[in-house]
Amino acid sequence: MTKIATKGGMQKLILNLLKALGSKAIMMYLFISIVTAVCLNPYQNKEPKIIDCTMGGESAHQEFLKKSIPTAVFLDTSRHLFDTGSDGLHPYPTKEQVITAMQNIGVTLDDKIVLYSQSGKHMSTARVYHILKAYGFHDVTVLDGGLHKYIQDGHPTVPGVDYSGPPSVIEDLADPSPYMIDMDEIIEFAHGNRPNMQIIDSRDIESYYGKDPGLLAGYLPGVKQGHVPGSINIPYYHFIDPVDQTFLEPLEIEQILVSYGIDKTKDIVLMCRTGNTSKILYLILEIAGYSDVKLYDGSWYEYGAGNGPVHNPSLG
């Protein structure tokens, strides 16, 4: 089970103990999937690679230059972590693209990496988290609540500075396929041939039930309305505190999942509209202790344009 730091009572207890033991204990505590700004200050002294990975191209870059966490670098996710040679809308990057992107900001496989994003951009950090984990980076964490919570808690910011050091050396990366599932397996599920599989669709309720306003407006032409028959709709935002933008605690997450009938012993697959918000759900399930969760990266953009079974409740 993945160790995590949450924002509640257990975390406060552990942090109080760590403060009594000193900074070395705090550093040991930071081998986790979620960190908080409370933990980040001593972490900076050990020079982790803190990365603003906000999607948004040059506008996100300009925001980074105005305000960033000290020592952070900017990763232009929108340009460098999408497979431009693929037909997908938000396609998973190739091994070569990931190597180049991380080398260009001086990051190695063995670095301690802390990812954060600008206000309200959970999709950015969750997407990069999944990519780095799937490609075999050894120690990747996400700053809970991102820059929004960091500033809200009174921590310092500085104008961002682009990385100008030497490129890192990355010889090779892991095969990400064990983290993924393809459309053929989703079709098998839709035909009732995968009884041990549960598919969670993290789109909003409107889209899941066949009233996606974007599709109604002609966005993603050729993509049908509806959902994979038998899939379970759990919008990702149910698991995020709307005030401070942090993730809910593991027990709260587990209670929501159980209320929707999610079974930890099943083969759980995540999908959404274009493969992005499902990665938020991946991180959320990891916080709650779920393992071996698979991602259908093609998501509804691919499935809805194909020939697999579709259920559209809006048609009656």
Protein backbone atom coordinates (compact mmCIF):
# COMPACT_ATOMS: atom_id res chain seq x y z
CA MET A 1 0.00 0.00 0.00
CA THR A 2 1.27 3.46 -0.89
CA LYS A 3 2.16 5.71 2.05
CA ILE A 4 0.62 9.16 1.88
CA ALA A 5 0.39 12.37 3.84
CA THR A 6 -3.12 13.72 4.28
CA LYS A 7 -4.37 16.97 5.70
CA GLY A 8 -6.23 15.65 8.73
CA GLY A 9 -5.65 14.60 12.30
CA MET A 10 -3.30 11.70 11.60
CA GLN A 11 -1.01 13.96 9.58
CA LYS A 12 -0.92 16.58 12.34
CA LEU A 13 0.01 13.91 14.86
CA ILE A 14 2.79 12.54 12.66
CA LEU A 15 4.12 16.01 11.84
CA ASN A 16 4.26 16.92 15.53
CA LEU A 17 6.27 13.78 16.20
CA LEU A 18 8.56 14.54 13.29
CA LYS A 19 9.19 18.07 14.47
CA ALA A 20 10.24 16.67 17.83
CA LEU A 21 12.63 14.26 16.11
CA GLY A 22 14.14 16.86 13.79
CA SER A 23 14.61 17.49 10.07
CA LYS A 24 16.16 14.09 9.32
CA ALA A 25 12.93 12.37 10.36
CA ILE A 26 10.94 14.79 8.28
CA MET A 27 13.04 13.87 5.24
CA MET A 28 12.37 10.17 5.83
CA TYR A 29 8.66 10.94 5.96
CA LEU A 30 8.75 12.51 2.51
CA PHE A 31 8.95 9.26 0.54
CA ILE A 32 5.24 9.50 -0.22
CA SER A 33 2.80 10.19 -3.04
CA ILE A 34 1.27 13.37 -1.59
CA VAL A 35 3.13 16.08 0.29
CA THR A 36 1.91 19.26 1.91
CA ALA A 37 3.47 22.68 2.05
CA VAL A 38 4.25 22.04 5.73
CA CYS A 39 6.61 19.28 4.61
CA LEU A 40 7.99 21.09 1.60
CA ASN A 41 10.18 23.68 3.35
CA PRO A 42 12.68 21.19 4.85
CA TYR A 43 12.42 19.19 1.63
CA GLN A 44 13.75 22.16 -0.35
CA ASN A 45 16.99 22.10 1.64
CA LYS A 46 17.78 18.69 0.14
CA GLU A 47 17.29 20.05 -3.37
CA PRO A 48 14.45 17.92 -4.72
CA LYS A 49 13.37 18.75 -8.24
CA ILE A 50 10.26 20.86 -7.69
CA ILE A 51 8.37 21.16 -10.96
CA ASP A 52 5.53 23.46 -11.97
CA CYS A 53 3.88 21.23 -14.58
CA THR A 54 0.78 23.34 -15.27
CA MET A 55 -0.76 22.76 -18.69
CA GLY A 56 -1.52 25.92 -20.61
CA GLY A 57 1.49 26.58 -22.77
CA GLU A 58 2.98 30.06 -22.73
CA SER A 59 0.26 31.55 -20.50
CA ALA A 60 1.11 29.00 -17.79
CA HIS A 61 4.80 29.72 -18.31
CA GLN A 62 4.24 33.45 -17.84
CA GLU A 63 2.37 32.78 -14.58
CA PHE A 64 5.33 30.68 -13.41
CA LEU A 65 7.73 33.55 -14.17
CA LYS A 66 5.58 35.85 -12.03
CA LYS A 67 5.15 33.52 -9.07
CA SER A 68 6.62 30.14 -8.20
CA ILE A 69 7.78 28.00 -5.30
CA PRO A 70 11.48 28.64 -4.55
CA THR A 71 13.86 26.42 -6.59
CA ALA A 72 11.05 25.24 -8.89
CA VAL A 73 11.49 24.79 -12.63
CA PHE A 74 8.81 24.93 -15.30
CA LEU A 75 7.89 21.95 -17.45
CA ASP A 76 5.92 22.94 -20.55
CA THR A 77 3.61 19.94 -20.37
CA SER A 78 1.39 21.17 -23.19
CA ARG A 79 4.29 21.13 -25.65
CA HIS A 80 6.57 18.36 -24.47
CA LEU A 81 4.44 15.63 -22.89
CA PHE A 82 1.95 14.94 -25.66
CA ASP A 83 2.55 12.55 -28.54
CA THR A 84 2.15 14.92 -31.47
CA GLY A 85 2.42 11.98 -33.87
CA SER A 86 -0.73 10.36 -32.49
CA ASP A 87 -4.36 10.86 -33.49
CA GLY A 88 -5.51 11.18 -29.89
CA LEU A 89 -6.68 14.46 -28.40
CA HIS A 90 -4.38 14.29 -25.35
CA PRO A 91 -2.18 11.32 -26.27
CA TYR A 92 0.28 9.75 -23.88
CA PRO A 93 3.85 10.83 -24.70
CA THR A 94 6.40 8.46 -26.17
CA LYS A 95 9.44 7.27 -24.24
CA GLU A 96 11.67 9.55 -26.32
CA GLN A 97 9.50 12.60 -25.59
CA VAL A 98 9.59 11.94 -21.85
CA ILE A 99 13.35 11.45 -21.87
CA THR A 100 13.90 14.72 -23.76
CA ALA A 101 11.46 16.70 -21.59
CA MET A 102 13.02 15.57 -18.33
CA GLN A 103 16.62 15.87 -19.54
CA ASN A 104 15.94 19.47 -20.59
CA ILE A 105 15.01 20.43 -17.01
CA GLY A 106 17.87 18.47 -15.46
CA VAL A 107 15.81 15.63 -13.92
CA THR A 108 17.03 12.03 -13.59
CA LEU A 109 15.24 8.77 -12.80
CA ASP A 110 16.57 8.81 -9.25
CA ASP A 111 15.74 12.40 -8.33
CA LYS A 112 13.17 13.21 -5.68
CA ILE A 113 10.48 14.94 -7.73
CA VAL A 114 7.70 17.17 -6.34
CA LEU A 115 5.01 18.16 -8.83
CA TYR A 116 2.68 21.09 -8.39
CA SER A 117 0.36 23.16 -10.52
CA GLN A 118 -1.16 26.60 -10.47
CA SER A 119 -4.62 27.18 -9.01
CA GLY A 120 -7.28 24.64 -9.94
CA LYS A 121 -5.08 22.61 -12.31
CA HIS A 122 -5.21 19.17 -10.69
CA MET A 123 -5.33 17.60 -14.14
CA SER A 124 -1.82 18.84 -14.90
CA THR A 125 -0.10 17.34 -11.88
CA ALA A 126 -2.09 14.10 -11.98
CA ARG A 127 -1.29 13.60 -15.65
CA VAL A 128 2.45 14.14 -15.19
CA TYR A 129 2.41 12.00 -12.03
CA HIS A 130 0.94 9.06 -13.96
CA ILE A 131 3.35 9.52 -16.86
CA LEU A 132 6.46 9.64 -14.68
CA LYS A 133 5.34 6.72 -12.55
CA ALA A 134 4.46 4.58 -15.57
CA TYR A 135 7.81 5.32 -17.20
CA GLY A 136 9.70 4.28 -14.08
CA PHE A 137 10.75 7.46 -12.26
CA HIS A 138 11.45 6.23 -8.76
CA ASP A 139 10.33 8.98 -6.37
CA VAL A 140 7.51 11.21 -7.59
CA THR A 141 5.19 13.16 -5.28
CA VAL A 142 2.41 15.71 -5.72
CA LEU A 143 2.02 18.86 -3.62
CA ASP A 144 -1.51 18.59 -2.22
CA GLY A 145 -3.55 21.67 -3.11
CA GLY A 146 -0.84 22.93 -5.45
CA LEU A 147 0.29 26.54 -5.48
CA HIS A 148 -3.15 27.68 -4.27
CA LYS A 149 -2.87 25.87 -0.93
CA TYR A 150 0.85 26.65 -0.63
CA ILE A 151 0.14 30.39 -0.81
CA GLN A 152 -3.01 30.09 1.32
CA ASP A 153 -0.89 28.63 4.11
CA GLY A 154 1.49 31.61 4.04
CA HIS A 155 4.51 30.03 2.36
CA PRO A 156 6.87 32.20 0.29
CA THR A 157 6.89 32.56 -3.49
CA VAL A 158 9.49 34.04 -5.83
CA PRO A 159 9.55 34.98 -9.52
CA GLY A 160 10.13 31.78 -11.49
CA VAL A 161 13.43 31.15 -13.25
CA ASP A 162 13.72 28.81 -16.23
CA TYR A 163 16.19 25.94 -15.93
CA SER A 164 19.51 26.82 -17.55
CA GLY A 165 21.78 24.07 -16.23
CA PRO A 166 23.19 21.08 -18.10
CA PRO A 167 20.81 18.40 -19.35
CA SER A 168 20.52 15.28 -17.24
CA VAL A 169 21.38 11.80 -18.47
CA ILE A 170 18.55 9.28 -18.85
CA GLU A 171 19.59 6.10 -20.65
CA ASP A 172 16.21 4.41 -20.86
CA LEU A 173 12.76 4.27 -19.29
CA ALA A 174 10.36 1.54 -18.21
CA ASP A 175 7.57 0.21 -20.42
CA PRO A 176 4.34 2.01 -19.41
CA SER A 177 2.00 -0.66 -20.85
CA PRO A 178 1.38 -2.43 -17.49
CA TYR A 179 -0.41 0.75 -16.38
CA MET A 180 -2.67 0.83 -19.44
CA ILE A 181 -5.52 -1.03 -21.08
CA ASP A 182 -6.70 -0.86 -24.70
CA MET A 183 -10.09 -0.48 -26.37
CA ASP A 184 -10.42 -4.18 -27.24
CA GLU A 185 -10.57 -5.00 -23.53
CA ILE A 186 -13.15 -2.25 -22.94
CA ILE A 187 -15.32 -3.73 -25.72
CA GLU A 188 -14.98 -7.16 -24.12
CA PHE A 189 -16.25 -5.64 -20.87
CA ALA A 190 -19.15 -3.94 -22.67
CA HIS A 191 -20.19 -7.32 -24.08
CA GLY A 192 -20.25 -8.79 -20.56
CA ASN A 193 -17.11 -10.88 -21.00
CA ARG A 194 -15.01 -9.34 -18.21
CA PRO A 195 -16.97 -10.05 -14.99
CA ASN A 196 -14.04 -9.22 -12.71
CA MET A 197 -13.56 -5.74 -14.22
CA GLN A 198 -15.04 -2.44 -13.01
CA ILE A 199 -14.79 0.67 -15.19
CA ILE A 200 -15.01 4.07 -13.52
CA ASP A 201 -15.91 6.94 -15.86
CA SER A 202 -14.82 10.22 -14.26
CA ARG A 203 -16.70 12.54 -16.62
CA ASP A 204 -19.38 14.89 -15.33
CA ILE A 205 -22.89 13.45 -14.94
CA GLU A 206 -24.30 15.23 -18.01
CA SER A 207 -21.68 13.76 -20.31
CA TYR A 208 -22.02 10.26 -18.90
CA TYR A 209 -25.80 10.29 -19.37
CA GLY A 210 -25.62 11.35 -23.01
CA LYS A 211 -25.96 15.11 -22.78
CA ASP A 212 -22.35 16.24 -23.18
CA PRO A 213 -22.69 19.95 -24.09
CA GLY A 214 -19.42 19.89 -26.02
CA LEU A 215 -20.56 17.02 -28.21
CA LEU A 216 -23.93 18.71 -28.71
CA ALA A 217 -22.04 21.79 -29.93
CA GLY A 218 -20.04 19.76 -32.44
CA TYR A 219 -16.87 19.39 -30.40
CA LEU A 220 -15.16 16.06 -31.16
CA PRO A 221 -17.08 15.30 -34.38
CA GLY A 222 -17.90 11.64 -34.87
CA VAL A 223 -17.91 10.88 -31.13
CA LYS A 224 -21.24 9.52 -29.91
CA GLN A 225 -23.06 10.51 -26.74
CA GLY A 226 -23.37 8.07 -23.83
CA HIS A 227 -21.10 5.68 -21.96
CA VAL A 228 -19.69 2.17 -21.90
CA PRO A 229 -22.48 -0.19 -20.77
CA GLY A 230 -21.84 -1.33 -17.21
CA SER A 231 -19.40 1.44 -16.37
CA ILE A 232 -19.82 3.46 -13.17
CA ASN A 233 -19.88 7.25 -13.21
CA ILE A 234 -17.93 8.94 -10.40
CA PRO A 235 -16.91 12.51 -11.29
CA TYR A 236 -13.40 13.21 -10.05
CA TYR A 237 -14.37 16.48 -8.35
CA HIS A 238 -16.27 14.56 -5.66
CA PHE A 239 -12.86 13.85 -4.12
CA ILE A 240 -11.46 17.41 -4.00
CA ASP A 241 -12.10 20.01 -1.31
CA PRO A 242 -13.58 23.00 -3.21
CA VAL A 243 -12.15 25.54 -0.76
CA ASP A 244 -8.46 24.66 -0.44
CA GLN A 245 -8.25 22.37 -3.52
CA THR A 246 -6.73 19.50 -1.53
CA PHE A 247 -7.70 15.86 -1.92
CA LEU A 248 -10.05 14.27 0.59
CA GLU A 249 -8.65 11.97 3.23
CA PRO A 250 -8.23 8.26 2.42
CA LEU A 251 -11.18 7.19 4.57
CA GLU A 252 -13.47 9.76 2.95
CA ILE A 253 -12.34 8.64 -0.51
CA GLU A 254 -12.94 5.00 0.38
CA GLN A 255 -16.42 5.76 1.70
CA ILE A 256 -17.40 7.48 -1.55
CA LEU A 257 -16.01 4.64 -3.66
CA VAL A 258 -17.83 2.01 -1.61
CA SER A 259 -21.08 4.00 -1.87
CA TYR A 260 -20.82 3.65 -5.67
CA GLY A 261 -20.21 -0.08 -5.41
CA ILE A 262 -16.48 -0.06 -6.18
CA ASP A 263 -14.86 -3.32 -5.13
CA LYS A 264 -11.15 -3.21 -4.28
CA THR A 265 -10.75 -6.86 -5.29
CA LYS A 266 -11.88 -6.18 -8.88
CA ASP A 267 -9.74 -5.14 -11.85
CA ILE A 268 -10.38 -1.40 -11.84
CA VAL A 269 -10.08 0.60 -15.06
CA LEU A 270 -10.35 4.39 -15.30
CA MET A 271 -11.56 6.46 -18.24
CA CYS A 272 -12.95 9.94 -18.92
CA ARG A 273 -13.54 12.06 -21.99
CA THR A 274 -10.01 12.47 -23.37
CA GLY A 275 -7.77 10.66 -20.89
CA ASN A 276 -6.93 13.53 -18.55
CA THR A 277 -9.36 13.65 -15.62
CA SER A 278 -9.11 9.86 -15.26
CA LYS A 279 -5.49 10.46 -14.21
CA ILE A 280 -6.77 12.61 -11.34
CA LEU A 281 -8.90 9.66 -10.30
CA TYR A 282 -5.84 7.39 -10.58
CA LEU A 283 -4.02 9.54 -8.04
CA ILE A 284 -7.11 9.67 -5.82
CA LEU A 285 -7.44 5.88 -5.79
CA GLU A 286 -3.76 5.57 -4.97
CA ILE A 287 -4.27 7.87 -1.98
CA ALA A 288 -6.98 5.47 -0.79
CA GLY A 289 -4.64 2.50 -1.08
CA TYR A 290 -5.84 0.99 -4.36
CA SER A 291 -3.17 -0.74 -6.43
CA ASP A 292 -2.88 -2.18 -9.95
CA VAL A 293 -5.43 0.29 -11.30
CA LYS A 294 -5.35 0.54 -15.11
CA LEU A 295 -5.93 3.57 -17.32
CA TYR A 296 -7.82 3.52 -20.61
CA ASP A 297 -6.05 6.51 -22.11
CA GLY A 298 -8.10 6.62 -25.32
CA SER A 299 -11.17 7.13 -23.13
CA TRP A 300 -14.48 8.31 -24.59
CA TYR A 301 -12.75 10.22 -27.38
CA GLU A 302 -11.62 6.90 -28.84
CA TYR A 303 -14.38 4.56 -27.65
CA GLY A 304 -17.26 6.87 -28.58
CA ALA A 305 -15.93 7.13 -32.14
CA GLY A 306 -15.60 3.36 -32.48
CA ASN A 307 -17.97 0.45 -32.95
CA GLY A 308 -18.22 -0.79 -29.36
CA PRO A 309 -21.58 -0.99 -27.53
CA VAL A 310 -22.84 2.35 -26.23
CA HIS A 311 -25.55 3.11 -23.70
CA ASN A 312 -27.16 6.54 -24.09
CA PRO A 313 -29.85 7.10 -21.43
CA SER A 314 -30.88 10.39 -23.07
CA LEU A 315 -32.41 8.38 -25.93
CA GLY A 316 -34.81 6.66 -23.54
